[in-house]
Amino acid sequence: RRPQAGGDPEKSYVARLFAKGTDAILKKVGEEATE
């Protein structure tokens, strides 16, 4: 799902996270830990 591997941020949630960068990914980890 990485954009470099052909993942489309418009169609894939994971590709969208990768496109936003590590800060967005780590923020989601924190949110999921809280939940």
PDB file of all heavy atoms in Angstrom:
ATOM      1  N   ARG A   1       0.812  -1.218   0.000  1.00  0.00           N
ATOM      2  CA  ARG A   1       0.000   0.000   0.000  1.00  0.00           C
ATOM      3  C   ARG A   1       0.850   1.274   0.000  1.00  0.00           C
ATOM      4  O   ARG A   1       0.317   2.374  -0.083  1.00  0.00           O
ATOM      5  CB  ARG A   1      -0.926   0.019   1.225  1.00  0.00           C
ATOM      6  CG  ARG A   1      -1.922  -1.119   1.268  1.00  0.00           C
ATOM      7  CD  ARG A   1      -2.975  -0.994   0.175  1.00  0.00           C
ATOM      8  NE  ARG A   1      -4.081  -1.900   0.399  1.00  0.00           N
ATOM      9  CZ  ARG A   1      -4.167  -3.128  -0.094  1.00  0.00           C
ATOM     10  NH1 ARG A   1      -3.182  -3.595  -0.852  1.00  0.00           N
ATOM     11  NH2 ARG A   1      -5.203  -3.892   0.167  1.00  0.00           N
ATOM     12  N   ARG A   2       2.181   1.126   0.098  1.00  0.00           N
ATOM     13  CA  ARG A   2       3.038   2.318   0.031  1.00  0.00           C
ATOM     14  C   ARG A   2       2.833   3.028  -1.317  1.00  0.00           C
ATOM     15  O   ARG A   2       2.739   2.365  -2.352  1.00  0.00           O
ATOM     16  CB  ARG A   2       4.511   1.934   0.148  1.00  0.00           C
ATOM     17  CG  ARG A   2       4.982   1.548   1.536  1.00  0.00           C
ATOM     18  CD  ARG A   2       6.450   1.199   1.482  1.00  0.00           C
ATOM     19  NE  ARG A   2       7.010   0.846   2.764  1.00  0.00           N
ATOM     20  CZ  ARG A   2       7.475   1.703   3.648  1.00  0.00           C
ATOM     21  NH1 ARG A   2       7.452   3.003   3.380  1.00  0.00           N
ATOM     22  NH2 ARG A   2       7.975   1.285   4.790  1.00  0.00           N
ATOM     23  N   PRO A   3       2.785   4.348  -1.320  1.00  0.00           N
ATOM     24  CA  PRO A   3       2.671   5.062  -2.598  1.00  0.00           C
ATOM     25  C   PRO A   3       3.767   4.666  -3.582  1.00  0.00           C
ATOM     26  O   PRO A   3       3.527   4.571  -4.786  1.00  0.00           O
ATOM     27  CB  PRO A   3       2.785   6.534  -2.179  1.00  0.00           C
ATOM     28  CG  PRO A   3       2.244   6.553  -0.776  1.00  0.00           C
ATOM     29  CD  PRO A   3       2.708   5.261  -0.159  1.00  0.00           C
ATOM     30  N   GLN A   4       4.978   4.402  -3.062  1.00  0.00           N
ATOM     31  CA  GLN A   4       6.085   4.002  -3.934  1.00  0.00           C
ATOM     32  C   GLN A   4       5.838   2.650  -4.591  1.00  0.00           C
ATOM     33  O   GLN A   4       6.393   2.344  -5.638  1.00  0.00           O
ATOM     34  CB  GLN A   4       7.401   3.936  -3.147  1.00  0.00           C
ATOM     35  CG  GLN A   4       7.760   5.227  -2.434  1.00  0.00           C
ATOM     36  CD  GLN A   4       7.285   5.239  -0.999  1.00  0.00           C
ATOM     37  OE1 GLN A   4       6.121   4.945  -0.726  1.00  0.00           O
ATOM     38  NE2 GLN A   4       8.180   5.580  -0.084  1.00  0.00           N
ATOM     39  N   ALA A   5       4.998   1.825  -3.934  1.00  0.00           N
ATOM     40  CA  ALA A   5       4.688   0.495  -4.469  1.00  0.00           C
ATOM     41  C   ALA A   5       3.406   0.499  -5.287  1.00  0.00           C
ATOM     42  O   ALA A   5       2.923  -0.560  -5.683  1.00  0.00           O
ATOM     43  CB  ALA A   5       4.581  -0.517  -3.322  1.00  0.00           C
ATOM     44  N   GLY A   6       2.843   1.669  -5.506  1.00  0.00           N
ATOM     45  CA  GLY A   6       1.635   1.760  -6.309  1.00  0.00           C
ATOM     46  C   GLY A   6       0.365   1.963  -5.511  1.00  0.00           C
ATOM     47  O   GLY A   6      -0.729   1.999  -6.079  1.00  0.00           O
ATOM     48  N   GLY A   7       0.484   2.087  -4.178  1.00  0.00           N
ATOM     49  CA  GLY A   7      -0.691   2.325  -3.355  1.00  0.00           C
ATOM     50  C   GLY A   7      -1.304   3.686  -3.656  1.00  0.00           C
ATOM     51  O   GLY A   7      -0.578   4.682  -3.772  1.00  0.00           O
ATOM     52  N   ASP A   8      -2.606   3.732  -3.784  1.00  0.00           N
ATOM     53  CA  ASP A   8      -3.306   4.968  -4.141  1.00  0.00           C
ATOM     54  C   ASP A   8      -3.921   5.594  -2.890  1.00  0.00           C
ATOM     55  O   ASP A   8      -4.842   5.029  -2.308  1.00  0.00           O
ATOM     56  CB  ASP A   8      -4.402   4.665  -5.164  1.00  0.00           C
ATOM     57  CG  ASP A   8      -5.086   5.925  -5.684  1.00  0.00           C
ATOM     58  OD1 ASP A   8      -4.840   7.013  -5.129  1.00  0.00           O
ATOM     59  OD2 ASP A   8      -5.862   5.812  -6.649  1.00  0.00           O
ATOM     60  N   PRO A   9      -3.430   6.749  -2.450  1.00  0.00           N
ATOM     61  CA  PRO A   9      -3.986   7.405  -1.253  1.00  0.00           C
ATOM     62  C   PRO A   9      -5.471   7.724  -1.361  1.00  0.00           C
ATOM     63  O   PRO A   9      -6.143   7.905  -0.354  1.00  0.00           O
ATOM     64  CB  PRO A   9      -3.154   8.694  -1.138  1.00  0.00           C
ATOM     65  CG  PRO A   9      -1.878   8.384  -1.837  1.00  0.00           C
ATOM     66  CD  PRO A   9      -2.271   7.495  -2.983  1.00  0.00           C
ATOM     67  N   GLU A  10      -5.983   7.794  -2.596  1.00  0.00           N
ATOM     68  CA  GLU A  10      -7.405   8.072  -2.781  1.00  0.00           C
ATOM     69  C   GLU A  10      -8.261   6.834  -2.560  1.00  0.00           C
ATOM     70  O   GLU A  10      -9.476   6.932  -2.375  1.00  0.00           O
ATOM     71  CB  GLU A  10      -7.647   8.624  -4.196  1.00  0.00           C
ATOM     72  CG  GLU A  10      -6.991   9.959  -4.467  1.00  0.00           C
ATOM     73  CD  GLU A  10      -7.500  11.051  -3.522  1.00  0.00           C
ATOM     74  OE1 GLU A  10      -8.717  11.085  -3.279  1.00  0.00           O
ATOM     75  OE2 GLU A  10      -6.674  11.841  -3.026  1.00  0.00           O
ATOM     76  N   LYS A  11      -7.635   5.645  -2.590  1.00  0.00           N
ATOM     77  CA  LYS A  11      -8.390   4.402  -2.483  1.00  0.00           C
ATOM     78  C   LYS A  11      -8.005   3.571  -1.263  1.00  0.00           C
ATOM     79  O   LYS A  11      -8.762   2.702  -0.846  1.00  0.00           O
ATOM     80  CB  LYS A  11      -8.177   3.549  -3.741  1.00  0.00           C
ATOM     81  CG  LYS A  11      -8.723   4.186  -5.011  1.00  0.00           C
ATOM     82  CD  LYS A  11      -8.498   3.285  -6.206  1.00  0.00           C
ATOM     83  CE  LYS A  11      -9.080   3.893  -7.475  1.00  0.00           C
ATOM     84  NZ  LYS A  11     -10.533   4.011  -7.413  1.00  0.00           N
ATOM     85  N   SER A  12      -6.827   3.799  -0.716  1.00  0.00           N
ATOM     86  CA  SER A  12      -6.327   2.969   0.371  1.00  0.00           C
ATOM     87  C   SER A  12      -6.045   3.810   1.613  1.00  0.00           C
ATOM     88  O   SER A  12      -5.334   4.814   1.554  1.00  0.00           O
ATOM     89  CB  SER A  12      -5.039   2.254  -0.060  1.00  0.00           C
ATOM     90  OG  SER A  12      -4.370   1.687   1.054  1.00  0.00           O
ATOM     91  N   TYR A  13      -6.598   3.366   2.741  1.00  0.00           N
ATOM     92  CA  TYR A  13      -6.367   4.035   4.019  1.00  0.00           C
ATOM     93  C   TYR A  13      -4.882   3.992   4.388  1.00  0.00           C
ATOM     94  O   TYR A  13      -4.312   4.987   4.836  1.00  0.00           O
ATOM     95  CB  TYR A  13      -7.209   3.345   5.091  1.00  0.00           C
ATOM     96  CG  TYR A  13      -6.899   3.768   6.507  1.00  0.00           C
ATOM     97  CD1 TYR A  13      -7.366   4.974   7.009  1.00  0.00           C
ATOM     98  CD2 TYR A  13      -6.147   2.951   7.344  1.00  0.00           C
ATOM     99  CE1 TYR A  13      -7.084   5.358   8.316  1.00  0.00           C
ATOM    100  CE2 TYR A  13      -5.864   3.322   8.642  1.00  0.00           C
ATOM    101  CZ  TYR A  13      -6.334   4.527   9.127  1.00  0.00           C
ATOM    102  OH  TYR A  13      -6.057   4.901  10.417  1.00  0.00           O
ATOM    103  N   VAL A  14      -4.247   2.833   4.189  1.00  0.00           N
ATOM    104  CA  VAL A  14      -2.831   2.691   4.540  1.00  0.00           C
ATOM    105  C   VAL A  14      -1.966   3.593   3.662  1.00  0.00           C
ATOM    106  O   VAL A  14      -1.051   4.261   4.150  1.00  0.00           O
ATOM    107  CB  VAL A  14      -2.387   1.224   4.420  1.00  0.00           C
ATOM    108  CG1 VAL A  14      -0.887   1.088   4.686  1.00  0.00           C
ATOM    109  CG2 VAL A  14      -3.157   0.350   5.402  1.00  0.00           C
ATOM    110  N   ALA A  15      -2.266   3.615   2.365  1.00  0.00           N
ATOM    111  CA  ALA A  15      -1.512   4.483   1.457  1.00  0.00           C
ATOM    112  C   ALA A  15      -1.660   5.949   1.860  1.00  0.00           C
ATOM    113  O   ALA A  15      -0.708   6.732   1.786  1.00  0.00           O
ATOM    114  CB  ALA A  15      -1.994   4.276   0.023  1.00  0.00           C
ATOM    115  N   ARG A  16      -2.861   6.291   2.318  1.00  0.00           N
ATOM    116  CA  ARG A  16      -3.115   7.671   2.744  1.00  0.00           C
ATOM    117  C   ARG A  16      -2.271   8.016   3.971  1.00  0.00           C
ATOM    118  O   ARG A  16      -1.717   9.112   4.068  1.00  0.00           O
ATOM    119  CB  ARG A  16      -4.611   7.840   3.025  1.00  0.00           C
ATOM    120  CG  ARG A  16      -5.077   9.264   3.070  1.00  0.00           C
ATOM    121  CD  ARG A  16      -6.550   9.389   2.693  1.00  0.00           C
ATOM    122  NE  ARG A  16      -7.424   8.552   3.518  1.00  0.00           N
ATOM    123  CZ  ARG A  16      -8.156   7.542   3.047  1.00  0.00           C
ATOM    124  NH1 ARG A  16      -8.133   7.243   1.754  1.00  0.00           N
ATOM    125  NH2 ARG A  16      -8.938   6.851   3.837  1.00  0.00           N
ATOM    126  N   LEU A  17      -2.163   7.071   4.912  1.00  0.00           N
ATOM    127  CA  LEU A  17      -1.332   7.303   6.099  1.00  0.00           C
ATOM    128  C   LEU A  17       0.133   7.458   5.720  1.00  0.00           C
ATOM    129  O   LEU A  17       0.831   8.348   6.213  1.00  0.00           O
ATOM    130  CB  LEU A  17      -1.498   6.147   7.089  1.00  0.00           C
ATOM    131  CG  LEU A  17      -2.554   6.277   8.170  1.00  0.00           C
ATOM    132  CD1 LEU A  17      -2.505   5.069   9.109  1.00  0.00           C
ATOM    133  CD2 LEU A  17      -2.386   7.560   8.973  1.00  0.00           C
ATOM    134  N   PHE A  18       0.631   6.556   4.842  1.00  0.00           N
ATOM    135  CA  PHE A  18       2.020   6.662   4.404  1.00  0.00           C
ATOM    136  C   PHE A  18       2.279   8.015   3.742  1.00  0.00           C
ATOM    137  O   PHE A  18       3.324   8.631   3.964  1.00  0.00           O
ATOM    138  CB  PHE A  18       2.350   5.536   3.420  1.00  0.00           C
ATOM    139  CG  PHE A  18       2.747   4.239   4.078  1.00  0.00           C
ATOM    140  CD1 PHE A  18       2.148   3.045   3.707  1.00  0.00           C
ATOM    141  CD2 PHE A  18       3.730   4.197   5.053  1.00  0.00           C
ATOM    142  CE1 PHE A  18       2.504   1.853   4.297  1.00  0.00           C
ATOM    143  CE2 PHE A  18       4.112   3.012   5.653  1.00  0.00           C
ATOM    144  CZ  PHE A  18       3.497   1.826   5.280  1.00  0.00           C
ATOM    145  N   ALA A  19       1.322   8.463   2.943  1.00  0.00           N
ATOM    146  CA  ALA A  19       1.498   9.731   2.235  1.00  0.00           C
ATOM    147  C   ALA A  19       1.562  10.908   3.198  1.00  0.00           C
ATOM    148  O   ALA A  19       2.241  11.907   2.938  1.00  0.00           O
ATOM    149  CB  ALA A  19       0.364   9.921   1.228  1.00  0.00           C
ATOM    150  N   LYS A  20       0.876  10.807   4.333  1.00  0.00           N
ATOM    151  CA  LYS A  20       0.861  11.900   5.310  1.00  0.00           C
ATOM    152  C   LYS A  20       2.151  11.957   6.121  1.00  0.00           C
ATOM    153  O   LYS A  20       2.455  12.985   6.729  1.00  0.00           O
ATOM    154  CB  LYS A  20      -0.333  11.744   6.248  1.00  0.00           C
ATOM    155  CG  LYS A  20      -1.679  12.024   5.588  1.00  0.00           C
ATOM    156  CD  LYS A  20      -2.821  11.863   6.581  1.00  0.00           C
ATOM    157  CE  LYS A  20      -4.161  12.180   5.967  1.00  0.00           C
ATOM    158  NZ  LYS A  20      -5.279  11.994   6.926  1.00  0.00           N
ATOM    159  N   GLY A  21       2.881  10.844   6.187  1.00  0.00           N
ATOM    160  CA  GLY A  21       4.154  10.848   6.891  1.00  0.00           C
ATOM    161  C   GLY A  21       4.104  10.197   8.262  1.00  0.00           C
ATOM    162  O   GLY A  21       3.035   9.828   8.766  1.00  0.00           O
ATOM    163  N   THR A  22       5.277  10.086   8.894  1.00  0.00           N
ATOM    164  CA  THR A  22       5.396   9.351  10.146  1.00  0.00           C
ATOM    165  C   THR A  22       4.636  10.008  11.298  1.00  0.00           C
ATOM    166  O   THR A  22       4.129   9.314  12.174  1.00  0.00           O
ATOM    167  CB  THR A  22       6.880   9.183  10.539  1.00  0.00           C
ATOM    168  OG1 THR A  22       7.520  10.462  10.554  1.00  0.00           O
ATOM    169  CG2 THR A  22       7.593   8.277   9.558  1.00  0.00           C
ATOM    170  N   ASP A  23       4.567  11.324  11.312  1.00  0.00           N
ATOM    171  CA  ASP A  23       3.846  11.987  12.407  1.00  0.00           C
ATOM    172  C   ASP A  23       2.384  11.551  12.430  1.00  0.00           C
ATOM    173  O   ASP A  23       1.819  11.289  13.502  1.00  0.00           O
ATOM    174  CB  ASP A  23       3.933  13.509  12.264  1.00  0.00           C
ATOM    175  CG  ASP A  23       5.280  14.064  12.686  1.00  0.00           C
ATOM    176  OD1 ASP A  23       6.070  13.301  13.275  1.00  0.00           O
ATOM    177  OD2 ASP A  23       5.543  15.251  12.424  1.00  0.00           O
ATOM    178  N   ALA A  24       1.760  11.456  11.261  1.00  0.00           N
ATOM    179  CA  ALA A  24       0.366  11.026  11.180  1.00  0.00           C
ATOM    180  C   ALA A  24       0.223   9.568  11.606  1.00  0.00           C
ATOM    181  O   ALA A  24      -0.732   9.198  12.294  1.00  0.00           O
ATOM    182  CB  ALA A  24      -0.162  11.210   9.757  1.00  0.00           C
ATOM    183  N   ILE A  25       1.194   8.739  11.216  1.00  0.00           N
ATOM    184  CA  ILE A  25       1.154   7.322  11.593  1.00  0.00           C
ATOM    185  C   ILE A  25       1.279   7.171  13.104  1.00  0.00           C
ATOM    186  O   ILE A  25       0.517   6.439  13.747  1.00  0.00           O
ATOM    187  CB  ILE A  25       2.278   6.548  10.881  1.00  0.00           C
ATOM    188  CG1 ILE A  25       2.035   6.538   9.362  1.00  0.00           C
ATOM    189  CG2 ILE A  25       2.386   5.120  11.417  1.00  0.00           C
ATOM    190  CD1 ILE A  25       3.185   5.982   8.555  1.00  0.00           C
ATOM    191  N   LEU A  26       2.240   7.884  13.688  1.00  0.00           N
ATOM    192  CA  LEU A  26       2.454   7.779  15.132  1.00  0.00           C
ATOM    193  C   LEU A  26       1.275   8.349  15.918  1.00  0.00           C
ATOM    194  O   LEU A  26       0.936   7.847  16.996  1.00  0.00           O
ATOM    195  CB  LEU A  26       3.748   8.488  15.508  1.00  0.00           C
ATOM    196  CG  LEU A  26       5.017   7.895  14.895  1.00  0.00           C
ATOM    197  CD1 LEU A  26       6.242   8.715  15.283  1.00  0.00           C
ATOM    198  CD2 LEU A  26       5.201   6.442  15.297  1.00  0.00           C
ATOM    199  N   LYS A  27       0.637   9.371  15.383  1.00  0.00           N
ATOM    200  CA  LYS A  27      -0.543   9.923  16.033  1.00  0.00           C
ATOM    201  C   LYS A  27      -1.651   8.879  16.105  1.00  0.00           C
ATOM    202  O   LYS A  27      -2.333   8.743  17.125  1.00  0.00           O
ATOM    203  CB  LYS A  27      -1.034  11.157  15.265  1.00  0.00           C
ATOM    204  CG  LYS A  27      -2.280  11.805  15.883  1.00  0.00           C
ATOM    205  CD  LYS A  27      -2.732  13.017  15.075  1.00  0.00           C
ATOM    206  CE  LYS A  27      -4.000  13.614  15.686  1.00  0.00           C
ATOM    207  NZ  LYS A  27      -4.494  14.762  14.888  1.00  0.00           N
ATOM    208  N   LYS A  28      -1.809   8.104  15.012  1.00  0.00           N
ATOM    209  CA  LYS A  28      -2.829   7.055  14.999  1.00  0.00           C
ATOM    210  C   LYS A  28      -2.490   5.962  16.002  1.00  0.00           C
ATOM    211  O   LYS A  28      -3.383   5.423  16.666  1.00  0.00           O
ATOM    212  CB  LYS A  28      -2.953   6.451  13.605  1.00  0.00           C
ATOM    213  CG  LYS A  28      -3.733   7.297  12.623  1.00  0.00           C
ATOM    214  CD  LYS A  28      -5.159   7.542  13.088  1.00  0.00           C
ATOM    215  CE  LYS A  28      -5.969   6.254  13.222  1.00  0.00           C
ATOM    216  NZ  LYS A  28      -7.367   6.515  13.659  1.00  0.00           N
ATOM    217  N   VAL A  29      -1.217   5.627  16.147  1.00  0.00           N
ATOM    218  CA  VAL A  29      -0.824   4.626  17.142  1.00  0.00           C
ATOM    219  C   VAL A  29      -1.218   5.108  18.530  1.00  0.00           C
ATOM    220  O   VAL A  29      -1.759   4.345  19.345  1.00  0.00           O
ATOM    221  CB  VAL A  29       0.695   4.341  17.076  1.00  0.00           C
ATOM    222  CG1 VAL A  29       1.125   3.435  18.229  1.00  0.00           C
ATOM    223  CG2 VAL A  29       1.059   3.687  15.743  1.00  0.00           C
ATOM    224  N   GLY A  30      -0.962   6.376  18.814  1.00  0.00           N
ATOM    225  CA  GLY A  30      -1.337   6.941  20.108  1.00  0.00           C
ATOM    226  C   GLY A  30      -2.835   6.913  20.335  1.00  0.00           C
ATOM    227  O   GLY A  30      -3.310   6.577  21.428  1.00  0.00           O
ATOM    228  N   GLU A  31      -3.597   7.262  19.292  1.00  0.00           N
ATOM    229  CA  GLU A  31      -5.064   7.251  19.412  1.00  0.00           C
ATOM    230  C   GLU A  31      -5.579   5.838  19.674  1.00  0.00           C
ATOM    231  O   GLU A  31      -6.469   5.636  20.515  1.00  0.00           O
ATOM    232  CB  GLU A  31      -5.682   7.809  18.127  1.00  0.00           C
ATOM    233  CG  GLU A  31      -5.463   9.298  17.933  1.00  0.00           C
ATOM    234  CD  GLU A  31      -5.975   9.778  16.588  1.00  0.00           C
ATOM    235  OE1 GLU A  31      -6.463   8.934  15.794  1.00  0.00           O
ATOM    236  OE2 GLU A  31      -5.905  11.003  16.313  1.00  0.00           O
ATOM    237  N   GLU A  32      -5.027   4.868  18.949  1.00  0.00           N
ATOM    238  CA  GLU A  32      -5.482   3.487  19.121  1.00  0.00           C
ATOM    239  C   GLU A  32      -5.094   2.948  20.501  1.00  0.00           C
ATOM    240  O   GLU A  32      -5.834   2.155  21.095  1.00  0.00           O
ATOM    241  CB  GLU A  32      -4.920   2.590  18.022  1.00  0.00           C
ATOM    242  CG  GLU A  32      -5.356   2.967  16.612  1.00  0.00           C
ATOM    243  CD  GLU A  32      -6.865   2.956  16.425  1.00  0.00           C
ATOM    244  OE1 GLU A  32      -7.563   2.313  17.231  1.00  0.00           O
ATOM    245  OE2 GLU A  32      -7.348   3.599  15.475  1.00  0.00           O
ATOM    246  N   ALA A  33      -3.931   3.368  21.010  1.00  0.00           N
ATOM    247  CA  ALA A  33      -3.532   2.952  22.356  1.00  0.00           C
ATOM    248  C   ALA A  33      -4.509   3.485  23.393  1.00  0.00           C
ATOM    249  O   ALA A  33      -4.909   2.780  24.325  1.00  0.00           O
ATOM    250  CB  ALA A  33      -2.105   3.434  22.651  1.00  0.00           C
ATOM    251  N   THR A  34      -4.917   4.748  23.227  1.00  0.00           N
ATOM    252  CA  THR A  34      -5.892   5.345  24.141  1.00  0.00           C
ATOM    253  C   THR A  34      -7.228   4.617  24.067  1.00  0.00           C
ATOM    254  O   THR A  34      -7.852   4.329  25.093  1.00  0.00           O
ATOM    255  CB  THR A  34      -6.096   6.832  23.802  1.00  0.00           C
ATOM    256  OG1 THR A  34      -4.849   7.526  23.942  1.00  0.00           O
ATOM    257  CG2 THR A  34      -7.130   7.471  24.733  1.00  0.00           C
ATOM    258  N   GLU A  35      -7.668   4.290  22.853  1.00  0.00           N
ATOM    259  CA  GLU A  35      -8.939   3.583  22.690  1.00  0.00           C
ATOM    260  C   GLU A  35      -8.874   2.180  23.284  1.00  0.00           C
ATOM    261  O   GLU A  35      -9.869   1.672  23.810  1.00  0.00           O
ATOM    262  CB  GLU A  35      -9.317   3.530  21.210  1.00  0.00           C
ATOM    263  CG  GLU A  35      -9.700   4.901  20.658  1.00  0.00           C
ATOM    264  CD  GLU A  35     -10.046   4.867  19.183  1.00  0.00           C
ATOM    265  OE1 GLU A  35     -10.163   3.750  18.630  1.00  0.00           O
ATOM    266  OE2 GLU A  35     -10.206   5.943  18.582  1.00  0.00           O
TER     267      GLU A  35
END
